[in-house]
C-alpha cells in the first residue's frame, strides 16, 4: 500500500479557519489510525439507584439488598470515556516562526485536531490557554456543539506575555478535580525550576500528563544566515548576534536545556514528544498517538498510593 501523502504545513497553516485546518488534518490522521490508543479511566462509582426491569443484573448490589430487601444498582460515571484537558502555551516565545507560520499557529492546529479526534469518540474534552496565567479555559465535557466551542477558544488571540508555566499547571490542577489526561503543548523554553514541582503535583494527584514540545527548525539549528540585532520575544531585550560565531555555544546550551527537560519529565513519569514545525501535522499527531508509553500512569499510581 503506498504511503499516504502529507500536506505541506505552510499550505495547511495558510488556511485562516482553525476548524477547517483541523478537519483537513483529521482526514490525513484517519489513514492508518483507526482506534485511539487512549482509553477511559477505570470506572468511578458515584451513587445507587433502584433497579428497574431491563437493567443489567451485573451491577446489582447484593449487600444493599441484604440491608434493605430492595434491589439497587451501582451507578458508574465515565465508564468508558476519557476526560482530557488540552493546555496550550500562548506566551510570546510561541509567536516565533521561520517558515511563514508560528509555533503557536502550529500548536493551535494540533490541539484543535486532537480535540476533534477525541470528541469524535465521545470523550470529554476541555482546553485552556496560558502564558503568565490561564486566561481562557473550558472544563472537559461532551455535548453537541462543544467542539465548536473548543475551536473558538483555541483560536482566540493571546495577550502574548511571558511564560509562567508553573502557575498555569497549578490552575490546571484546580480545574481537574477528577483524574484527567492533560496534554501540554509548549516549546518548553522557560527555566525548569519554574514548573518542575507542578508536574510532581499533577502526577501525585493521579493525572496522566503528556507533553508535546513544539520547536521551530531554525531555533534547533540557529540557521539564520546574516548577523543581526535580535529581540527576545519574552522580555524585549535586544542583542547583536552573528549566528556563525554563536552557533556552537548556542547549540550546546540548547541541547543541555532540552536534555534537562527530558530528564526532569522522565523523573515525573511524563512522556515527552518533540515535534518540529516543519513536520506534517497529521504525521506528527499519528506518531504521538501511536507512541504512548504506559509508564506515566504507573508512576502516577505509585505516587498516589505512596
C-alpha atoms as a PDB file:
ATOM      1  CA  UNK A   1       0.000   0.000   0.000  1.00  0.00           C
ATOM      2  CA  UNK A   2       1.503   3.389  -0.938  1.00  0.00           C
ATOM      3  CA  UNK A   3       2.361   5.757   1.915  1.00  0.00           C
ATOM      4  CA  UNK A   4      -0.248   8.490   2.449  1.00  0.00           C
ATOM      5  CA  UNK A   5       0.597  11.935   1.045  1.00  0.00           C
ATOM      6  CA  UNK A   6       1.094  14.598   3.686  1.00  0.00           C
ATOM      7  CA  UNK A   7       0.020  18.211   3.397  1.00  0.00           C
ATOM      8  CA  UNK A   8       2.767  20.825   3.422  1.00  0.00           C
ATOM      9  CA  UNK A   9       2.419  22.611   6.808  1.00  0.00           C
ATOM     10  CA  UNK A  10       2.897  26.022   5.141  1.00  0.00           C
ATOM     11  CA  UNK A  11      -0.020  25.373   2.761  1.00  0.00           C
ATOM     12  CA  UNK A  12      -2.219  23.989   5.524  1.00  0.00           C
ATOM     13  CA  UNK A  13      -1.487  26.732   8.058  1.00  0.00           C
ATOM     14  CA  UNK A  14      -2.174  29.420   5.468  1.00  0.00           C
ATOM     15  CA  UNK A  15      -5.859  28.487   5.878  1.00  0.00           C
ATOM     16  CA  UNK A  16      -7.276  31.058   8.260  1.00  0.00           C
ATOM     17  CA  UNK A  17     -10.161  28.959   9.598  1.00  0.00           C
ATOM     18  CA  UNK A  18      -8.979  26.782  12.511  1.00  0.00           C
ATOM     19  CA  UNK A  19     -11.875  24.332  12.226  1.00  0.00           C
ATOM     20  CA  UNK A  20     -11.171  23.756   8.540  1.00  0.00           C
ATOM     21  CA  UNK A  21      -7.475  23.186   9.292  1.00  0.00           C
ATOM     22  CA  UNK A  22      -8.317  20.651  11.986  1.00  0.00           C
ATOM     23  CA  UNK A  23     -10.779  18.827   9.725  1.00  0.00           C
ATOM     24  CA  UNK A  24      -8.148  18.694   6.976  1.00  0.00           C
ATOM     25  CA  UNK A  25      -5.533  17.229   9.324  1.00  0.00           C
ATOM     26  CA  UNK A  26      -8.132  14.732  10.581  1.00  0.00           C
ATOM     27  CA  UNK A  27      -8.536  13.376   7.058  1.00  0.00           C
ATOM     28  CA  UNK A  28      -4.845  12.526   6.958  1.00  0.00           C
ATOM     29  CA  UNK A  29      -4.804  11.302  10.547  1.00  0.00           C
ATOM     30  CA  UNK A  30      -7.540   8.750   9.946  1.00  0.00           C
ATOM     31  CA  UNK A  31      -5.323   6.964   7.443  1.00  0.00           C
ATOM     32  CA  UNK A  32      -3.664   4.152   9.348  1.00  0.00           C
ATOM     33  CA  UNK A  33      -5.104   5.150  12.738  1.00  0.00           C
ATOM     34  CA  UNK A  34      -8.455   3.507  13.313  1.00  0.00           C
ATOM     35  CA  UNK A  35      -8.593   3.432  17.068  1.00  0.00           C
ATOM     36  CA  UNK A  36      -7.450   5.771  19.817  1.00  0.00           C
ATOM     37  CA  UNK A  37      -4.605   4.439  21.976  1.00  0.00           C
ATOM     38  CA  UNK A  38      -6.160   6.427  24.808  1.00  0.00           C
ATOM     39  CA  UNK A  39      -8.837   4.674  26.763  1.00  0.00           C
ATOM     40  CA  UNK A  40     -11.149   5.796  29.504  1.00  0.00           C
ATOM     41  CA  UNK A  41     -10.009   5.657  33.055  1.00  0.00           C
ATOM     42  CA  UNK A  42     -11.343   2.969  35.340  1.00  0.00           C
ATOM     43  CA  UNK A  43     -14.969   3.234  36.323  1.00  0.00           C
ATOM     44  CA  UNK A  44     -15.771   5.560  39.203  1.00  0.00           C
ATOM     45  CA  UNK A  45     -18.669   4.568  41.414  1.00  0.00           C
ATOM     46  CA  UNK A  46     -20.931   7.534  42.056  1.00  0.00           C
ATOM     47  CA  UNK A  47     -24.263   6.508  43.573  1.00  0.00           C
ATOM     48  CA  UNK A  48     -27.009   3.909  43.780  1.00  0.00           C
ATOM     49  CA  UNK A  49     -30.322   3.856  42.021  1.00  0.00           C
ATOM     50  CA  UNK A  50     -33.226   1.472  42.368  1.00  0.00           C
ATOM     51  CA  UNK A  51     -33.431  -1.460  39.983  1.00  0.00           C
ATOM     52  CA  UNK A  52     -35.816  -1.247  37.043  1.00  0.00           C
ATOM     53  CA  UNK A  53     -36.802  -4.152  34.767  1.00  0.00           C
ATOM     54  CA  UNK A  54     -34.322  -4.417  31.909  1.00  0.00           C
ATOM     55  CA  UNK A  55     -31.317  -3.104  33.893  1.00  0.00           C
ATOM     56  CA  UNK A  56     -28.049  -5.011  33.695  1.00  0.00           C
ATOM     57  CA  UNK A  57     -28.062  -7.501  36.582  1.00  0.00           C
ATOM     58  CA  UNK A  58     -24.266  -7.452  36.793  1.00  0.00           C
ATOM     59  CA  UNK A  59     -24.453  -4.163  38.703  1.00  0.00           C
ATOM     60  CA  UNK A  60     -26.874  -5.296  41.371  1.00  0.00           C
ATOM     61  CA  UNK A  61     -25.508  -4.590  44.838  1.00  0.00           C
ATOM     62  CA  UNK A  62     -26.285  -7.638  46.981  1.00  0.00           C
ATOM     63  CA  UNK A  63     -25.063  -6.006  50.174  1.00  0.00           C
ATOM     64  CA  UNK A  64     -27.577  -3.226  49.718  1.00  0.00           C
ATOM     65  CA  UNK A  65     -30.235  -5.871  49.069  1.00  0.00           C
ATOM     66  CA  UNK A  66     -29.318  -7.645  52.335  1.00  0.00           C
ATOM     67  CA  UNK A  67     -29.692  -4.396  54.260  1.00  0.00           C
ATOM     68  CA  UNK A  68     -32.842  -3.044  52.650  1.00  0.00           C
ATOM     69  CA  UNK A  69     -34.563  -6.004  51.000  1.00  0.00           C
ATOM     70  CA  UNK A  70     -34.651  -3.951  47.807  1.00  0.00           C
ATOM     71  CA  UNK A  71     -32.649  -4.174  44.613  1.00  0.00           C
ATOM     72  CA  UNK A  72     -30.225  -1.347  43.918  1.00  0.00           C
ATOM     73  CA  UNK A  73     -27.759  -0.833  41.098  1.00  0.00           C
ATOM     74  CA  UNK A  74     -24.341   0.753  41.387  1.00  0.00           C
ATOM     75  CA  UNK A  75     -24.173   3.713  39.063  1.00  0.00           C
ATOM     76  CA  UNK A  76     -20.874   4.443  37.358  1.00  0.00           C
ATOM     77  CA  UNK A  77     -19.613   7.599  35.710  1.00  0.00           C
ATOM     78  CA  UNK A  78     -17.371   7.789  32.645  1.00  0.00           C
ATOM     79  CA  UNK A  79     -17.089   4.032  32.463  1.00  0.00           C
ATOM     80  CA  UNK A  80     -15.511   4.099  29.049  1.00  0.00           C
ATOM     81  CA  UNK A  81     -14.938   7.749  28.246  1.00  0.00           C
ATOM     82  CA  UNK A  82     -11.758   9.679  28.692  1.00  0.00           C
ATOM     83  CA  UNK A  83     -11.506  13.072  30.412  1.00  0.00           C
ATOM     84  CA  UNK A  84      -8.906  15.261  28.685  1.00  0.00           C
ATOM     85  CA  UNK A  85      -7.625  18.827  29.117  1.00  0.00           C
ATOM     86  CA  UNK A  86      -5.576  20.412  26.323  1.00  0.00           C
ATOM     87  CA  UNK A  87      -3.216  23.003  27.821  1.00  0.00           C
ATOM     88  CA  UNK A  88      -1.822  25.369  25.182  1.00  0.00           C
ATOM     89  CA  UNK A  89       1.133  27.711  25.798  1.00  0.00           C
ATOM     90  CA  UNK A  90       0.375  31.085  24.143  1.00  0.00           C
ATOM     91  CA  UNK A  91       3.336  33.010  25.549  1.00  0.00           C
ATOM     92  CA  UNK A  92       5.409  35.300  23.327  1.00  0.00           C
ATOM     93  CA  UNK A  93       8.117  32.739  22.621  1.00  0.00           C
ATOM     94  CA  UNK A  94       5.457  30.654  20.864  1.00  0.00           C
ATOM     95  CA  UNK A  95       4.973  33.555  18.450  1.00  0.00           C
ATOM     96  CA  UNK A  96       8.216  32.696  16.665  1.00  0.00           C
ATOM     97  CA  UNK A  97       8.376  31.029  13.269  1.00  0.00           C
ATOM     98  CA  UNK A  98      10.892  30.860  10.451  1.00  0.00           C
ATOM     99  CA  UNK A  99       8.715  29.118   7.862  1.00  0.00           C
ATOM    100  CA  UNK A 100       5.893  31.584   7.340  1.00  0.00           C
ATOM    101  CA  UNK A 101       3.882  30.465  10.360  1.00  0.00           C
ATOM    102  CA  UNK A 102       4.481  30.461  14.096  1.00  0.00           C
ATOM    103  CA  UNK A 103       4.870  27.686  16.633  1.00  0.00           C
ATOM    104  CA  UNK A 104       1.607  28.885  18.168  1.00  0.00           C
ATOM    105  CA  UNK A 105      -0.341  28.511  14.904  1.00  0.00           C
ATOM    106  CA  UNK A 106       1.092  25.027  14.514  1.00  0.00           C
ATOM    107  CA  UNK A 107       0.309  24.073  18.139  1.00  0.00           C
ATOM    108  CA  UNK A 108      -3.236  25.521  17.929  1.00  0.00           C
ATOM    109  CA  UNK A 109      -3.926  23.274  14.963  1.00  0.00           C
ATOM    110  CA  UNK A 110      -2.506  20.227  16.746  1.00  0.00           C
ATOM    111  CA  UNK A 111      -4.729  20.957  19.747  1.00  0.00           C
ATOM    112  CA  UNK A 112      -7.830  21.532  17.595  1.00  0.00           C
ATOM    113  CA  UNK A 113      -7.235  18.271  15.730  1.00  0.00           C
ATOM    114  CA  UNK A 114      -6.761  16.337  18.971  1.00  0.00           C
ATOM    115  CA  UNK A 115      -9.995  17.876  20.262  1.00  0.00           C
ATOM    116  CA  UNK A 116     -11.804  16.794  17.083  1.00  0.00           C
ATOM    117  CA  UNK A 117     -10.345  13.289  17.289  1.00  0.00           C
ATOM    118  CA  UNK A 118     -11.278  12.707  20.941  1.00  0.00           C
ATOM    119  CA  UNK A 119     -14.675  14.389  20.627  1.00  0.00           C
ATOM    120  CA  UNK A 120     -15.417  12.031  17.744  1.00  0.00           C
ATOM    121  CA  UNK A 121     -15.109   9.071  20.109  1.00  0.00           C
ATOM    122  CA  UNK A 122     -17.317  10.850  22.679  1.00  0.00           C
ATOM    123  CA  UNK A 123     -14.536  11.608  25.151  1.00  0.00           C
ATOM    124  CA  UNK A 124     -14.855  14.602  27.483  1.00  0.00           C
ATOM    125  CA  UNK A 125     -12.581  17.390  26.225  1.00  0.00           C
ATOM    126  CA  UNK A 126     -11.615  20.733  27.720  1.00  0.00           C
ATOM    127  CA  UNK A 127      -8.969  23.297  26.839  1.00  0.00           C
ATOM    128  CA  UNK A 128      -7.054  26.129  28.461  1.00  0.00           C
ATOM    129  CA  UNK A 129      -4.748  28.818  27.064  1.00  0.00           C
ATOM    130  CA  UNK A 130      -1.986  30.183  29.249  1.00  0.00           C
ATOM    131  CA  UNK A 131       1.030  32.472  29.404  1.00  0.00           C
ATOM    132  CA  UNK A 132       1.631  34.089  32.809  1.00  0.00           C
ATOM    133  CA  UNK A 133      -1.713  32.675  33.850  1.00  0.00           C
ATOM    134  CA  UNK A 134      -4.616  30.755  32.393  1.00  0.00           C
ATOM    135  CA  UNK A 135      -6.588  33.401  30.503  1.00  0.00           C
ATOM    136  CA  UNK A 136      -9.165  31.247  28.702  1.00  0.00           C
ATOM    137  CA  UNK A 137     -10.447  27.856  29.831  1.00  0.00           C
ATOM    138  CA  UNK A 138     -13.341  25.467  29.431  1.00  0.00           C
ATOM    139  CA  UNK A 139     -13.713  22.334  31.554  1.00  0.00           C
ATOM    140  CA  UNK A 140     -13.799  18.847  29.965  1.00  0.00           C
ATOM    141  CA  UNK A 141     -17.267  17.871  28.789  1.00  0.00           C
ATOM    142  CA  UNK A 142     -19.077  16.304  25.867  1.00  0.00           C
ATOM    143  CA  UNK A 143     -22.258  17.631  24.333  1.00  0.00           C
ATOM    144  CA  UNK A 144     -23.443  18.713  20.900  1.00  0.00           C
ATOM    145  CA  UNK A 145     -21.816  21.987  19.893  1.00  0.00           C
ATOM    146  CA  UNK A 146     -18.978  21.639  22.407  1.00  0.00           C
ATOM    147  CA  UNK A 147     -16.373  21.014  19.714  1.00  0.00           C
ATOM    148  CA  UNK A 148     -17.218  24.326  18.021  1.00  0.00           C
ATOM    149  CA  UNK A 149     -16.861  25.988  21.429  1.00  0.00           C
ATOM    150  CA  UNK A 150     -13.375  24.487  21.729  1.00  0.00           C
ATOM    151  CA  UNK A 151     -12.421  25.645  18.228  1.00  0.00           C
ATOM    152  CA  UNK A 152     -13.464  29.185  19.167  1.00  0.00           C
ATOM    153  CA  UNK A 153     -11.477  29.065  22.404  1.00  0.00           C
ATOM    154  CA  UNK A 154      -8.336  27.605  20.825  1.00  0.00           C
ATOM    155  CA  UNK A 155      -8.481  30.237  18.081  1.00  0.00           C
ATOM    156  CA  UNK A 156      -8.669  33.205  20.457  1.00  0.00           C
ATOM    157  CA  UNK A 157      -5.979  35.828  20.319  1.00  0.00           C
ATOM    158  CA  UNK A 158      -3.427  35.694  23.095  1.00  0.00           C
ATOM    159  CA  UNK A 159      -2.133  38.568  25.233  1.00  0.00           C
ATOM    160  CA  UNK A 160       1.321  37.156  24.358  1.00  0.00           C
ATOM    161  CA  UNK A 161       3.066  37.673  27.655  1.00  0.00           C
ATOM    162  CA  UNK A 162       5.946  35.822  29.259  1.00  0.00           C
ATOM    163  CA  UNK A 163       5.624  32.209  30.367  1.00  0.00           C
ATOM    164  CA  UNK A 164       4.788  31.173  33.906  1.00  0.00           C
ATOM    165  CA  UNK A 165       4.142  27.503  33.313  1.00  0.00           C
ATOM    166  CA  UNK A 166       4.116  26.593  36.985  1.00  0.00           C
ATOM    167  CA  UNK A 167       1.211  28.969  37.604  1.00  0.00           C
ATOM    168  CA  UNK A 168      -0.649  27.510  34.627  1.00  0.00           C
ATOM    169  CA  UNK A 169      -0.115  23.942  35.807  1.00  0.00           C
ATOM    170  CA  UNK A 170      -1.400  24.874  39.249  1.00  0.00           C
ATOM    171  CA  UNK A 171      -4.531  26.246  37.587  1.00  0.00           C
ATOM    172  CA  UNK A 172      -4.881  23.002  35.613  1.00  0.00           C
ATOM    173  CA  UNK A 173      -4.671  21.140  38.908  1.00  0.00           C
ATOM    174  CA  UNK A 174      -7.537  23.276  40.206  1.00  0.00           C
ATOM    175  CA  UNK A 175      -9.612  22.777  37.034  1.00  0.00           C
ATOM    176  CA  UNK A 176      -9.174  18.990  37.014  1.00  0.00           C
ATOM    177  CA  UNK A 177     -10.756  17.635  40.181  1.00  0.00           C
ATOM    178  CA  UNK A 178     -11.094  14.165  38.665  1.00  0.00           C
ATOM    179  CA  UNK A 179      -8.396  12.080  37.078  1.00  0.00           C
ATOM    180  CA  UNK A 180      -7.643  13.651  33.703  1.00  0.00           C
ATOM    181  CA  UNK A 181      -5.387  13.178  30.719  1.00  0.00           C
ATOM    182  CA  UNK A 182      -3.557  16.525  30.450  1.00  0.00           C
ATOM    183  CA  UNK A 183      -1.861  17.184  27.102  1.00  0.00           C
ATOM    184  CA  UNK A 184       0.502  20.162  27.363  1.00  0.00           C
ATOM    185  CA  UNK A 185       1.625  21.884  24.150  1.00  0.00           C
ATOM    186  CA  UNK A 186       4.574  24.244  24.646  1.00  0.00           C
ATOM    187  CA  UNK A 187       8.097  24.995  23.441  1.00  0.00           C
ATOM    188  CA  UNK A 188       9.408  24.495  26.994  1.00  0.00           C
ATOM    189  CA  UNK A 189      11.902  27.341  26.578  1.00  0.00           C
ATOM    190  CA  UNK A 190      11.468  28.563  30.131  1.00  0.00           C
ATOM    191  CA  UNK A 191      13.555  27.853  33.268  1.00  0.00           C
ATOM    192  CA  UNK A 192      12.962  24.389  34.656  1.00  0.00           C
ATOM    193  CA  UNK A 193      12.680  25.478  38.268  1.00  0.00           C
ATOM    194  CA  UNK A 194       9.505  27.432  37.381  1.00  0.00           C
ATOM    195  CA  UNK A 195       7.487  24.323  36.634  1.00  0.00           C
ATOM    196  CA  UNK A 196       9.212  21.145  37.819  1.00  0.00           C
ATOM    197  CA  UNK A 197       7.335  20.875  41.130  1.00  0.00           C
ATOM    198  CA  UNK A 198       3.984  21.363  39.422  1.00  0.00           C
ATOM    199  CA  UNK A 199       4.500  18.219  37.364  1.00  0.00           C
ATOM    200  CA  UNK A 200       5.175  16.298  40.560  1.00  0.00           C
ATOM    201  CA  UNK A 201       1.887  17.567  41.998  1.00  0.00           C
ATOM    202  CA  UNK A 202      -0.071  16.635  38.869  1.00  0.00           C
ATOM    203  CA  UNK A 203       1.412  13.128  38.950  1.00  0.00           C
ATOM    204  CA  UNK A 204       0.713  12.793  42.668  1.00  0.00           C
ATOM    205  CA  UNK A 205      -2.909  13.799  42.030  1.00  0.00           C
ATOM    206  CA  UNK A 206      -3.213  10.840  39.657  1.00  0.00           C
ATOM    207  CA  UNK A 207      -3.391  12.810  36.416  1.00  0.00           C
ATOM    208  CA  UNK A 208      -1.907  11.340  33.265  1.00  0.00           C
ATOM    209  CA  UNK A 209       0.242  14.104  31.749  1.00  0.00           C
ATOM    210  CA  UNK A 210       1.668  14.027  28.205  1.00  0.00           C
ATOM    211  CA  UNK A 211       3.879  16.744  26.702  1.00  0.00           C
ATOM    212  CA  UNK A 212       4.134  17.917  23.110  1.00  0.00           C
ATOM    213  CA  UNK A 213       7.221  20.127  22.790  1.00  0.00           C
ATOM    214  CA  UNK A 214       6.784  22.235  19.643  1.00  0.00           C
ATOM    215  CA  UNK A 215      10.019  23.667  18.198  1.00  0.00           C
ATOM    216  CA  UNK A 216      10.875  25.605  15.063  1.00  0.00           C
ATOM    217  CA  UNK A 217      13.674  24.086  12.917  1.00  0.00           C
ATOM    218  CA  UNK A 218      15.628  27.372  12.938  1.00  0.00           C
ATOM    219  CA  UNK A 219      15.816  27.541  16.721  1.00  0.00           C
ATOM    220  CA  UNK A 220      17.053  23.951  16.742  1.00  0.00           C
ATOM    221  CA  UNK A 221      19.978  24.777  14.414  1.00  0.00           C
ATOM    222  CA  UNK A 222      20.387  28.591  14.652  1.00  0.00           C
ATOM    223  CA  UNK A 223      20.304  28.640  10.865  1.00  0.00           C
ATOM    224  CA  UNK A 224      19.600  32.374  10.423  1.00  0.00           C
ATOM    225  CA  UNK A 225      22.267  33.430   7.933  1.00  0.00           C
ATOM    226  CA  UNK A 226      23.438  37.029   8.448  1.00  0.00           C
ATOM    227  CA  UNK A 227      24.397  38.672  11.718  1.00  0.00           C
ATOM    228  CA  UNK A 228      21.668  40.955  13.029  1.00  0.00           C
ATOM    229  CA  UNK A 229      20.083  42.583  16.068  1.00  0.00           C
ATOM    230  CA  UNK A 230      17.815  40.017  17.718  1.00  0.00           C
ATOM    231  CA  UNK A 231      14.971  40.720  20.083  1.00  0.00           C
ATOM    232  CA  UNK A 232      13.979  38.393  22.910  1.00  0.00           C
ATOM    233  CA  UNK A 233      10.260  37.758  22.372  1.00  0.00           C
ATOM    234  CA  UNK A 234       9.547  37.314  26.072  1.00  0.00           C
ATOM    235  CA  UNK A 235      11.352  40.332  27.576  1.00  0.00           C
ATOM    236  CA  UNK A 236      12.096  42.580  24.535  1.00  0.00           C
ATOM    237  CA  UNK A 237      15.857  42.565  25.243  1.00  0.00           C
ATOM    238  CA  UNK A 238      17.889  43.305  22.097  1.00  0.00           C
ATOM    239  CA  UNK A 239      21.208  41.595  21.336  1.00  0.00           C
ATOM    240  CA  UNK A 240      23.613  41.607  18.378  1.00  0.00           C
ATOM    241  CA  UNK A 241      24.119  38.017  17.210  1.00  0.00           C
ATOM    242  CA  UNK A 242      26.314  36.535  14.496  1.00  0.00           C
ATOM    243  CA  UNK A 243      24.835  33.019  14.040  1.00  0.00           C
ATOM    244  CA  UNK A 244      28.071  31.661  12.558  1.00  0.00           C
ATOM    245  CA  UNK A 245      30.022  32.617  15.687  1.00  0.00           C
ATOM    246  CA  UNK A 246      27.308  31.873  18.231  1.00  0.00           C
ATOM    247  CA  UNK A 247      26.104  28.569  16.802  1.00  0.00           C
ATOM    248  CA  UNK A 248      28.374  26.162  18.686  1.00  0.00           C
ATOM    249  CA  UNK A 249      27.760  27.712  22.107  1.00  0.00           C
ATOM    250  CA  UNK A 250      24.043  28.114  21.391  1.00  0.00           C
ATOM    251  CA  UNK A 251      23.601  24.503  20.300  1.00  0.00           C
ATOM    252  CA  UNK A 252      25.416  23.290  23.398  1.00  0.00           C
ATOM    253  CA  UNK A 253      23.129  25.303  25.698  1.00  0.00           C
ATOM    254  CA  UNK A 254      20.023  24.407  23.711  1.00  0.00           C
ATOM    255  CA  UNK A 255      20.886  20.715  23.861  1.00  0.00           C
ATOM    256  CA  UNK A 256      21.666  20.896  27.581  1.00  0.00           C
ATOM    257  CA  UNK A 257      18.345  22.608  28.287  1.00  0.00           C
ATOM    258  CA  UNK A 258      16.337  20.051  26.337  1.00  0.00           C
ATOM    259  CA  UNK A 259      18.221  17.167  27.931  1.00  0.00           C
ATOM    260  CA  UNK A 260      17.347  18.608  31.331  1.00  0.00           C
ATOM    261  CA  UNK A 261      13.689  18.988  30.263  1.00  0.00           C
ATOM    262  CA  UNK A 262      13.580  15.380  29.116  1.00  0.00           C
ATOM    263  CA  UNK A 263      15.250  14.060  32.296  1.00  0.00           C
ATOM    264  CA  UNK A 264      13.014  16.056  34.592  1.00  0.00           C
ATOM    265  CA  UNK A 265       9.824  14.954  32.846  1.00  0.00           C
ATOM    266  CA  UNK A 266      11.091  11.381  32.868  1.00  0.00           C
ATOM    267  CA  UNK A 267      11.579  11.583  36.649  1.00  0.00           C
ATOM    268  CA  UNK A 268       7.935  12.587  36.976  1.00  0.00           C
ATOM    269  CA  UNK A 269       6.777   9.831  34.610  1.00  0.00           C
ATOM    270  CA  UNK A 270       5.696  12.337  31.944  1.00  0.00           C
ATOM    271  CA  UNK A 271       6.253  11.222  28.319  1.00  0.00           C
ATOM    272  CA  UNK A 272       7.825  13.910  26.104  1.00  0.00           C
ATOM    273  CA  UNK A 273       7.143  14.018  22.383  1.00  0.00           C
ATOM    274  CA  UNK A 274       9.195  16.577  20.417  1.00  0.00           C
ATOM    275  CA  UNK A 275       7.615  17.982  17.250  1.00  0.00           C
ATOM    276  CA  UNK A 276       9.407  20.056  14.612  1.00  0.00           C
ATOM    277  CA  UNK A 277       7.095  22.555  12.935  1.00  0.00           C
ATOM    278  CA  UNK A 278       8.458  21.507   9.532  1.00  0.00           C
ATOM    279  CA  UNK A 279       6.822  18.133  10.105  1.00  0.00           C
ATOM    280  CA  UNK A 280       3.391  17.464   8.509  1.00  0.00           C
ATOM    281  CA  UNK A 281       0.794  17.795  11.257  1.00  0.00           C
ATOM    282  CA  UNK A 282      -1.005  14.520  10.597  1.00  0.00           C
ATOM    283  CA  UNK A 283       2.300  12.658  10.647  1.00  0.00           C
ATOM    284  CA  UNK A 284       3.289  14.355  13.926  1.00  0.00           C
ATOM    285  CA  UNK A 285      -0.034  13.568  15.591  1.00  0.00           C
ATOM    286  CA  UNK A 286      -0.067   9.993  14.378  1.00  0.00           C
ATOM    287  CA  UNK A 287       3.394   9.429  15.868  1.00  0.00           C
ATOM    288  CA  UNK A 288       2.239  10.989  19.144  1.00  0.00           C
ATOM    289  CA  UNK A 289      -0.910   8.865  19.325  1.00  0.00           C
ATOM    290  CA  UNK A 290       0.839   5.638  18.389  1.00  0.00           C
ATOM    291  CA  UNK A 291       3.685   6.071  20.856  1.00  0.00           C
ATOM    292  CA  UNK A 292       2.055   6.244  24.260  1.00  0.00           C
ATOM    293  CA  UNK A 293       4.102   4.528  26.948  1.00  0.00           C
ATOM    294  CA  UNK A 294       2.166   3.406  29.963  1.00  0.00           C
ATOM    295  CA  UNK A 295       4.931   4.301  32.392  1.00  0.00           C
ATOM    296  CA  UNK A 296       3.350   7.642  33.206  1.00  0.00           C
ATOM    297  CA  UNK A 297       0.212   6.021  34.545  1.00  0.00           C
ATOM    298  CA  UNK A 298       2.188   3.513  36.571  1.00  0.00           C
ATOM    299  CA  UNK A 299       4.339   6.255  38.126  1.00  0.00           C
ATOM    300  CA  UNK A 300       1.267   8.333  38.896  1.00  0.00           C
ATOM    301  CA  UNK A 301      -0.414   5.392  40.594  1.00  0.00           C
ATOM    302  CA  UNK A 302       2.697   4.627  42.633  1.00  0.00           C
ATOM    303  CA  UNK A 303       2.940   8.225  43.821  1.00  0.00           C
ATOM    304  CA  UNK A 304      -0.757   8.448  44.551  1.00  0.00           C
ATOM    305  CA  UNK A 305      -0.521   5.342  46.733  1.00  0.00           C
ATOM    306  CA  UNK A 306       2.741   6.392  48.446  1.00  0.00           C
END
